[in-house]
C-alpha atoms as a PDB file:
ATOM      1  CA  MET A   1     103.831  95.959 105.710  1.00  0.00           C
ATOM      2  CA  PRO A   2     103.715  98.856 103.363  1.00  0.00           C
ATOM      3  CA  ASP A   3     106.838 100.357 101.829  1.00  0.00           C
ATOM      4  CA  PHE A   4     106.327 103.826 103.241  1.00  0.00           C
ATOM      5  CA  SER A   5     108.661 105.296 100.529  1.00  0.00           C
ATOM      6  CA  ARG A   6     105.826 104.605  98.106  1.00  0.00           C
ATOM      7  CA  PRO A   7     102.831 106.922  98.207  1.00  0.00           C
ATOM      8  CA  ASP A   8     100.374 104.252  97.031  1.00  0.00           C
ATOM      9  CA  GLN A   9     100.999 101.626  99.765  1.00  0.00           C
ATOM     10  CA  VAL A  10      98.991 101.702 102.963  1.00  0.00           C
ATOM     11  CA  LEU A  11      98.151  99.745 106.128  1.00  0.00           C
ATOM     12  CA  VAL A  12      94.518  99.546 107.176  1.00  0.00           C
ATOM     13  CA  SER A  13      93.189  99.038 110.715  1.00  0.00           C
ATOM     14  CA  TRP A  14      91.330  95.832 111.593  1.00  0.00           C
ATOM     15  CA  ARG A  15      88.143  97.831 111.933  1.00  0.00           C
ATOM     16  CA  TRP A  16      88.521  99.281 108.397  1.00  0.00           C
ATOM     17  CA  ALA A  17      89.182  95.802 107.058  1.00  0.00           C
ATOM     18  CA  SER A  18      86.260  94.212 108.822  1.00  0.00           C
ATOM     19  CA  GLU A  19      83.828  96.981 107.868  1.00  0.00           C
ATOM     20  CA  THR A  20      84.774  97.187 104.214  1.00  0.00           C
ATOM     21  CA  GLY A  21      86.043  93.637 103.381  1.00  0.00           C
ATOM     22  CA  VAL A  22      89.256  95.167 102.183  1.00  0.00           C
ATOM     23  CA  GLY A  23      92.550  93.335 102.900  1.00  0.00           C
ATOM     24  CA  PRO A  24      96.095  92.837 101.749  1.00  0.00           C
ATOM     25  CA  GLY A  25      96.250  92.837  97.989  1.00  0.00           C
ATOM     26  CA  ASP A  26      93.204  94.953  97.531  1.00  0.00           C
ATOM     27  CA  GLU A  27      93.054  98.439  96.166  1.00  0.00           C
ATOM     28  CA  ILE A  28      91.176 101.503  97.458  1.00  0.00           C
ATOM     29  CA  ASP A  29      90.079 104.317  95.160  1.00  0.00           C
ATOM     30  CA  ALA A  30      90.631 107.428  97.153  1.00  0.00           C
ATOM     31  CA  ARG A  31      91.001 111.122  96.778  1.00  0.00           C
ATOM     32  CA  LEU A  32      93.935 113.129  98.119  1.00  0.00           C
ATOM     33  CA  VAL A  33      92.495 116.483  99.565  1.00  0.00           C
ATOM     34  CA  SER A  34      94.980 119.397  99.955  1.00  0.00           C
ATOM     35  CA  ASP A  35      94.884 121.871 102.862  1.00  0.00           C
ATOM     36  CA  GLU A  36      93.170 124.306 100.524  1.00  0.00           C
ATOM     37  CA  GLU A  37      90.301 121.921  99.901  1.00  0.00           C
ATOM     38  CA  ASP A  38      87.464 121.296 102.405  1.00  0.00           C
ATOM     39  CA  PRO A  39      87.510 117.544 103.284  1.00  0.00           C
ATOM     40  CA  GLU A  40      83.841 117.804 104.336  1.00  0.00           C
ATOM     41  CA  THR A  41      82.881 118.503 100.680  1.00  0.00           C
ATOM     42  CA  ALA A  42      85.232 115.788  99.352  1.00  0.00           C
ATOM     43  CA  VAL A  43      83.041 112.869 100.449  1.00  0.00           C
ATOM     44  CA  GLY A  44      81.203 111.734  97.370  1.00  0.00           C
ATOM     45  CA  ALA A  45      82.380 114.641  95.279  1.00  0.00           C
ATOM     46  CA  GLU A  46      85.062 115.303  92.648  1.00  0.00           C
ATOM     47  CA  VAL A  47      87.267 117.179  95.067  1.00  0.00           C
ATOM     48  CA  GLY A  48      90.952 116.297  95.298  1.00  0.00           C
ATOM     49  CA  THR A  49      93.278 114.259  93.332  1.00  0.00           C
ATOM     50  CA  PRO A  50      92.329 110.632  92.483  1.00  0.00           C
ATOM     51  CA  LEU A  51      94.658 108.052  93.878  1.00  0.00           C
ATOM     52  CA  THR A  52      94.618 104.226  93.932  1.00  0.00           C
ATOM     53  CA  LEU A  53      95.943 102.964  97.303  1.00  0.00           C
ATOM     54  CA  HIS A  54      97.314  99.376  97.530  1.00  0.00           C
ATOM     55  CA  VAL A  55      96.539  97.688 100.786  1.00  0.00           C
ATOM     56  CA  THR A  56      99.655  95.691 102.034  1.00  0.00           C
ATOM     57  CA  GLY A  57      98.660  94.895 105.587  1.00  0.00           C
ATOM     58  CA  VAL A  58      96.042  94.962 108.355  1.00  0.00           C
ATOM     59  CA  ALA A  59      96.901  96.103 111.890  1.00  0.00           C
ATOM     60  CA  VAL A  60      95.039  95.598 115.096  1.00  0.00           C
ATOM     61  CA  LEU A  61      95.290  98.785 117.090  1.00  0.00           C
ATOM     62  CA  PRO A  62      95.047  98.973 120.879  1.00  0.00           C
ATOM     63  CA  ASP A  63      91.990 101.185 120.704  1.00  0.00           C
ATOM     64  CA  GLU A  64      90.213  98.531 118.610  1.00  0.00           C
ATOM     65  CA  ILE A  65      90.475  96.176 121.544  1.00  0.00           C
ATOM     66  CA  VAL A  66      89.403  98.690 124.160  1.00  0.00           C
ATOM     67  CA  PRO A  67      88.033 101.898 122.525  1.00  0.00           C
ATOM     68  CA  PHE A  68      89.117 105.078 124.354  1.00  0.00           C
ATOM     69  CA  ASP A  69      86.484 107.320 122.745  1.00  0.00           C
ATOM     70  CA  LEU A  70      84.414 107.604 119.536  1.00  0.00           C
ATOM     71  CA  LEU A  71      87.261 109.129 117.457  1.00  0.00           C
ATOM     72  CA  THR A  72      89.781 106.415 118.342  1.00  0.00           C
ATOM     73  CA  SER A  73      87.362 103.724 117.424  1.00  0.00           C
ATOM     74  CA  LEU A  74      86.923 104.850 113.820  1.00  0.00           C
ATOM     75  CA  PRO A  75      88.328 102.842 110.850  1.00  0.00           C
ATOM     76  CA  THR A  76      91.780 104.111 109.829  1.00  0.00           C
ATOM     77  CA  ILE A  77      94.137 103.934 106.907  1.00  0.00           C
ATOM     78  CA  PHE A  78      97.903 104.502 107.448  1.00  0.00           C
ATOM     79  CA  GLY A  79     100.079 105.997 104.776  1.00  0.00           C
ATOM     80  CA  GLY A  80     103.717 106.953 105.028  1.00  0.00           C
ATOM     81  CA  PRO A  81     105.855 110.002 104.440  1.00  0.00           C
ATOM     82  CA  ALA A  82     105.710 109.580 100.660  1.00  0.00           C
ATOM     83  CA  LEU A  83     101.913 109.917 100.817  1.00  0.00           C
ATOM     84  CA  ALA A  84     102.165 112.974 103.011  1.00  0.00           C
ATOM     85  CA  ARG A  85     104.697 114.605 100.513  1.00  0.00           C
ATOM     86  CA  ARG A  86     102.370 113.747  97.598  1.00  0.00           C
ATOM     87  CA  ARG A  87      99.405 115.394  99.482  1.00  0.00           C
ATOM     88  CA  ARG A  88     101.528 118.586 100.013  1.00  0.00           C
ATOM     89  CA  GLY A  89     102.466 118.583  96.291  1.00  0.00           C
END
C-alpha cells in the first residue's frame, strides 16, 4: 500500500498493471497537470510538471470484475492527499 502522505507513491488498478506491465516497485514517469492547463493537450506534450511516481501496490476494483460502463473500466492510478496538494501547488 502507498504511504498517502508521500506525493510520489501510488496504487494502480489491476487493469493498469495488466495493460502496462507495471507493478509494485516500478516507476511511472508522469506529468502533473494543473487546473489551468488543458489535460487533453498534455498527452505526449511538455505540459505540466514532470513527476516520477513509485508504484507500491496493485488493486482489483469491483468494476474490473464486472464493468459498469466504459469509464469505470478504464485503467486507473490512485494517489493520495499529498499528490493532490502537490497538484494544487
